[in-house]
Amino acid sequence: MNEQVRQLAYEMRLIGMHQNFESRSSEAVKSGLHPLQFLNFLLQDEKHY
């Protein structure tokens, strides 16, 4: 599933999300982040790309 999300982000030209998805998802699982916080981090990555 991770690869599908990364591919979709790439196709949608969400390069910041594409580049950081693996590290952000690992961080979210390890620390038990709320899904909305995880999404917030991904959106911030995209904004700062």
PDB file of N, CA and C in Angstrom:
ATOM      1  N   MET A   1       0.813  -1.192   0.000  1.00  0.00           N
ATOM      2  CA  MET A   1       0.000   0.000   0.000  1.00  0.00           C
ATOM      3  C   MET A   1       0.863   1.266   0.000  1.00  0.00           C
ATOM      4  N   ASN A   2       1.967   1.247   0.731  1.00  0.00           N
ATOM      5  CA  ASN A   2       2.841   2.419   0.755  1.00  0.00           C
ATOM      6  C   ASN A   2       3.290   2.810  -0.641  1.00  0.00           C
ATOM      7  N   GLU A   3       3.630   1.836  -1.442  1.00  0.00           N
ATOM      8  CA  GLU A   3       4.102   2.131  -2.797  1.00  0.00           C
ATOM      9  C   GLU A   3       2.978   2.736  -3.638  1.00  0.00           C
ATOM     10  N   GLN A   4       1.757   2.276  -3.429  1.00  0.00           N
ATOM     11  CA  GLN A   4       0.621   2.844  -4.166  1.00  0.00           C
ATOM     12  C   GLN A   4       0.426   4.319  -3.809  1.00  0.00           C
ATOM     13  N   VAL A   5       0.548   4.634  -2.531  1.00  0.00           N
ATOM     14  CA  VAL A   5       0.397   6.021  -2.082  1.00  0.00           C
ATOM     15  C   VAL A   5       1.520   6.876  -2.653  1.00  0.00           C
ATOM     16  N   ARG A   6       2.749   6.389  -2.586  1.00  0.00           N
ATOM     17  CA  ARG A   6       3.881   7.137  -3.131  1.00  0.00           C
ATOM     18  C   ARG A   6       3.716   7.373  -4.630  1.00  0.00           C
ATOM     19  N   GLN A   7       3.268   6.351  -5.355  1.00  0.00           N
ATOM     20  CA  GLN A   7       3.076   6.480  -6.800  1.00  0.00           C
ATOM     21  C   GLN A   7       1.985   7.494  -7.109  1.00  0.00           C
ATOM     22  N   LEU A   8       0.898   7.445  -6.367  1.00  0.00           N
ATOM     23  CA  LEU A   8      -0.193   8.398  -6.580  1.00  0.00           C
ATOM     24  C   LEU A   8       0.275   9.826  -6.296  1.00  0.00           C
ATOM     25  N   ALA A   9       1.018  10.011  -5.226  1.00  0.00           N
ATOM     26  CA  ALA A   9       1.551  11.341  -4.911  1.00  0.00           C
ATOM     27  C   ALA A   9       2.445  11.830  -6.047  1.00  0.00           C
ATOM     28  N   TYR A  10       3.263  10.950  -6.581  1.00  0.00           N
ATOM     29  CA  TYR A  10       4.147  11.312  -7.698  1.00  0.00           C
ATOM     30  C   TYR A  10       3.333  11.702  -8.931  1.00  0.00           C
ATOM     31  N   GLU A  11       2.329  10.900  -9.259  1.00  0.00           N
ATOM     32  CA  GLU A  11       1.504  11.176 -10.427  1.00  0.00           C
ATOM     33  C   GLU A  11       0.755  12.497 -10.283  1.00  0.00           C
ATOM     34  N   MET A  12       0.413  12.852  -9.052  1.00  0.00           N
ATOM     35  CA  MET A  12      -0.305  14.105  -8.795  1.00  0.00           C
ATOM     36  C   MET A  12       0.664  15.276  -8.604  1.00  0.00           C
ATOM     37  N   ARG A  13       1.952  14.983  -8.802  1.00  0.00           N
ATOM     38  CA  ARG A  13       3.013  15.978  -8.660  1.00  0.00           C
ATOM     39  C   ARG A  13       3.111  16.535  -7.241  1.00  0.00           C
ATOM     40  N   LEU A  14       2.839  15.679  -6.273  1.00  0.00           N
ATOM     41  CA  LEU A  14       3.001  16.030  -4.863  1.00  0.00           C
ATOM     42  C   LEU A  14       4.373  15.499  -4.426  1.00  0.00           C
ATOM     43  N   ILE A  15       5.395  16.135  -4.932  1.00  0.00           N
ATOM     44  CA  ILE A  15       6.750  15.626  -4.797  1.00  0.00           C
ATOM     45  C   ILE A  15       7.220  15.625  -3.344  1.00  0.00           C
ATOM     46  N   GLY A  16       6.855  16.650  -2.572  1.00  0.00           N
ATOM     47  CA  GLY A  16       7.233  16.680  -1.158  1.00  0.00           C
ATOM     48  C   GLY A  16       6.675  15.484  -0.409  1.00  0.00           C
ATOM     49  N   MET A  17       5.423  15.150  -0.681  1.00  0.00           N
ATOM     50  CA  MET A  17       4.805  13.968  -0.055  1.00  0.00           C
ATOM     51  C   MET A  17       5.475  12.695  -0.550  1.00  0.00           C
ATOM     52  N   HIS A  18       5.712  12.647  -1.839  1.00  0.00           N
ATOM     53  CA  HIS A  18       6.332  11.464  -2.439  1.00  0.00           C
ATOM     54  C   HIS A  18       7.697  11.178  -1.806  1.00  0.00           C
ATOM     55  N   GLN A  19       8.497  12.213  -1.646  1.00  0.00           N
ATOM     56  CA  GLN A  19       9.851  12.032  -1.120  1.00  0.00           C
ATOM     57  C   GLN A  19       9.871  11.646   0.351  1.00  0.00           C
ATOM     58  N   ASN A  20       8.918  12.118   1.131  1.00  0.00           N
ATOM     59  CA  ASN A  20       8.973  11.926   2.579  1.00  0.00           C
ATOM     60  C   ASN A  20       8.002  10.887   3.120  1.00  0.00           C
ATOM     61  N   PHE A  21       7.231  10.257   2.255  1.00  0.00           N
ATOM     62  CA  PHE A  21       6.186   9.352   2.732  1.00  0.00           C
ATOM     63  C   PHE A  21       6.734   8.199   3.557  1.00  0.00           C
ATOM     64  N   GLU A  22       7.775   7.556   3.094  1.00  0.00           N
ATOM     65  CA  GLU A  22       8.312   6.394   3.822  1.00  0.00           C
ATOM     66  C   GLU A  22       8.773   6.759   5.232  1.00  0.00           C
ATOM     67  N   SER A  23       9.536   7.834   5.342  1.00  0.00           N
ATOM     68  CA  SER A  23      10.031   8.219   6.664  1.00  0.00           C
ATOM     69  C   SER A  23       8.893   8.685   7.560  1.00  0.00           C
ATOM     70  N   ARG A  24       7.953   9.423   7.004  1.00  0.00           N
ATOM     71  CA  ARG A  24       6.807   9.893   7.803  1.00  0.00           C
ATOM     72  C   ARG A  24       5.926   8.733   8.246  1.00  0.00           C
ATOM     73  N   SER A  25       5.713   7.766   7.385  1.00  0.00           N
ATOM     74  CA  SER A  25       4.856   6.637   7.771  1.00  0.00           C
ATOM     75  C   SER A  25       5.533   5.775   8.828  1.00  0.00           C
ATOM     76  N   SER A  26       6.836   5.574   8.720  1.00  0.00           N
ATOM     77  CA  SER A  26       7.563   4.830   9.755  1.00  0.00           C
ATOM     78  C   SER A  26       7.496   5.558  11.089  1.00  0.00           C
ATOM     79  N   GLU A  27       7.698   6.863  11.052  1.00  0.00           N
ATOM     80  CA  GLU A  27       7.620   7.690  12.258  1.00  0.00           C
ATOM     81  C   GLU A  27       6.226   7.603  12.885  1.00  0.00           C
ATOM     82  N   ALA A  28       5.197   7.644  12.051  1.00  0.00           N
ATOM     83  CA  ALA A  28       3.821   7.590  12.547  1.00  0.00           C
ATOM     84  C   ALA A  28       3.525   6.267  13.241  1.00  0.00           C
ATOM     85  N   VAL A  29       3.981   5.174  12.660  1.00  0.00           N
ATOM     86  CA  VAL A  29       3.751   3.857  13.255  1.00  0.00           C
ATOM     87  C   VAL A  29       4.505   3.728  14.576  1.00  0.00           C
ATOM     88  N   LYS A  30       5.766   4.126  14.588  1.00  0.00           N
ATOM     89  CA  LYS A  30       6.587   4.004  15.794  1.00  0.00           C
ATOM     90  C   LYS A  30       6.059   4.829  16.952  1.00  0.00           C
ATOM     91  N   SER A  31       5.576   6.040  16.655  1.00  0.00           N
ATOM     92  CA  SER A  31       5.154   6.937  17.729  1.00  0.00           C
ATOM     93  C   SER A  31       3.645   6.949  17.959  1.00  0.00           C
ATOM     94  N   GLY A  32       2.907   6.185  17.167  1.00  0.00           N
ATOM     95  CA  GLY A  32       1.462   6.111  17.339  1.00  0.00           C
ATOM     96  C   GLY A  32       0.746   7.420  17.038  1.00  0.00           C
ATOM     97  N   LEU A  33       1.206   8.109  15.990  1.00  0.00           N
ATOM     98  CA  LEU A  33       0.593   9.381  15.621  1.00  0.00           C
ATOM     99  C   LEU A  33      -0.868   9.198  15.223  1.00  0.00           C
ATOM    100  N   HIS A  34      -1.664  10.180  15.562  1.00  0.00           N
ATOM    101  CA  HIS A  34      -3.051  10.221  15.101  1.00  0.00           C
ATOM    102  C   HIS A  34      -3.018  10.417  13.577  1.00  0.00           C
ATOM    103  N   PRO A  35      -3.920   9.803  12.844  1.00  0.00           N
ATOM    104  CA  PRO A  35      -3.912   9.932  11.381  1.00  0.00           C
ATOM    105  C   PRO A  35      -3.937  11.378  10.884  1.00  0.00           C
ATOM    106  N   LEU A  36      -4.649  12.243  11.578  1.00  0.00           N
ATOM    107  CA  LEU A  36      -4.683  13.637  11.140  1.00  0.00           C
ATOM    108  C   LEU A  36      -3.343  14.330  11.343  1.00  0.00           C
ATOM    109  N   GLN A  37      -2.619  13.948  12.378  1.00  0.00           N
ATOM    110  CA  GLN A  37      -1.284  14.510  12.581  1.00  0.00           C
ATOM    111  C   GLN A  37      -0.335  14.021  11.489  1.00  0.00           C
ATOM    112  N   PHE A  38      -0.460  12.767  11.133  1.00  0.00           N
ATOM    113  CA  PHE A  38       0.332  12.209  10.039  1.00  0.00           C
ATOM    114  C   PHE A  38       0.050  12.975   8.744  1.00  0.00           C
ATOM    115  N   LEU A  39      -1.226  13.194   8.446  1.00  0.00           N
ATOM    116  CA  LEU A  39      -1.601  13.951   7.262  1.00  0.00           C
ATOM    117  C   LEU A  39      -1.054  15.372   7.329  1.00  0.00           C
ATOM    118  N   ASN A  40      -1.130  15.983   8.490  1.00  0.00           N
ATOM    119  CA  ASN A  40      -0.598  17.326   8.673  1.00  0.00           C
ATOM    120  C   ASN A  40       0.886  17.380   8.331  1.00  0.00           C
ATOM    121  N   PHE A  41       1.649  16.413   8.798  1.00  0.00           N
ATOM    122  CA  PHE A  41       3.075  16.378   8.489  1.00  0.00           C
ATOM    123  C   PHE A  41       3.319  16.240   6.988  1.00  0.00           C
ATOM    124  N   LEU A  42       2.557  15.381   6.332  1.00  0.00           N
ATOM    125  CA  LEU A  42       2.715  15.214   4.892  1.00  0.00           C
ATOM    126  C   LEU A  42       2.379  16.499   4.135  1.00  0.00           C
ATOM    127  N   LEU A  43       1.326  17.167   4.555  1.00  0.00           N
ATOM    128  CA  LEU A  43       0.957  18.421   3.904  1.00  0.00           C
ATOM    129  C   LEU A  43       2.010  19.498   4.132  1.00  0.00           C
ATOM    130  N   GLN A  44       2.603  19.525   5.304  1.00  0.00           N
ATOM    131  CA  GLN A  44       3.684  20.465   5.572  1.00  0.00           C
ATOM    132  C   GLN A  44       4.890  20.155   4.689  1.00  0.00           C
ATOM    133  N   ASP A  45       5.193  18.876   4.522  1.00  0.00           N
ATOM    134  CA  ASP A  45       6.296  18.479   3.640  1.00  0.00           C
ATOM    135  C   ASP A  45       6.054  18.991   2.227  1.00  0.00           C
ATOM    136  N   GLU A  46       4.825  18.869   1.765  1.00  0.00           N
ATOM    137  CA  GLU A  46       4.498  19.324   0.419  1.00  0.00           C
ATOM    138  C   GLU A  46       4.608  20.839   0.318  1.00  0.00           C
ATOM    139  N   LYS A  47       4.126  21.527   1.318  1.00  0.00           N
ATOM    140  CA  LYS A  47       4.182  22.993   1.322  1.00  0.00           C
ATOM    141  C   LYS A  47       5.612  23.491   1.269  1.00  0.00           C
ATOM    142  N   HIS A  48       6.510  22.817   1.999  1.00  0.00           N
ATOM    143  CA  HIS A  48       7.889  23.262   2.097  1.00  0.00           C
ATOM    144  C   HIS A  48       8.792  22.697   1.010  1.00  0.00           C
ATOM    145  N   TYR A  49       8.220  21.922   0.086  1.00  0.00           N
ATOM    146  CA  TYR A  49       9.025  21.349  -0.985  1.00  0.00           C
ATOM    147  C   TYR A  49       9.552  22.392  -1.883  1.00  0.00           C
TER     148      TYR A  49
END
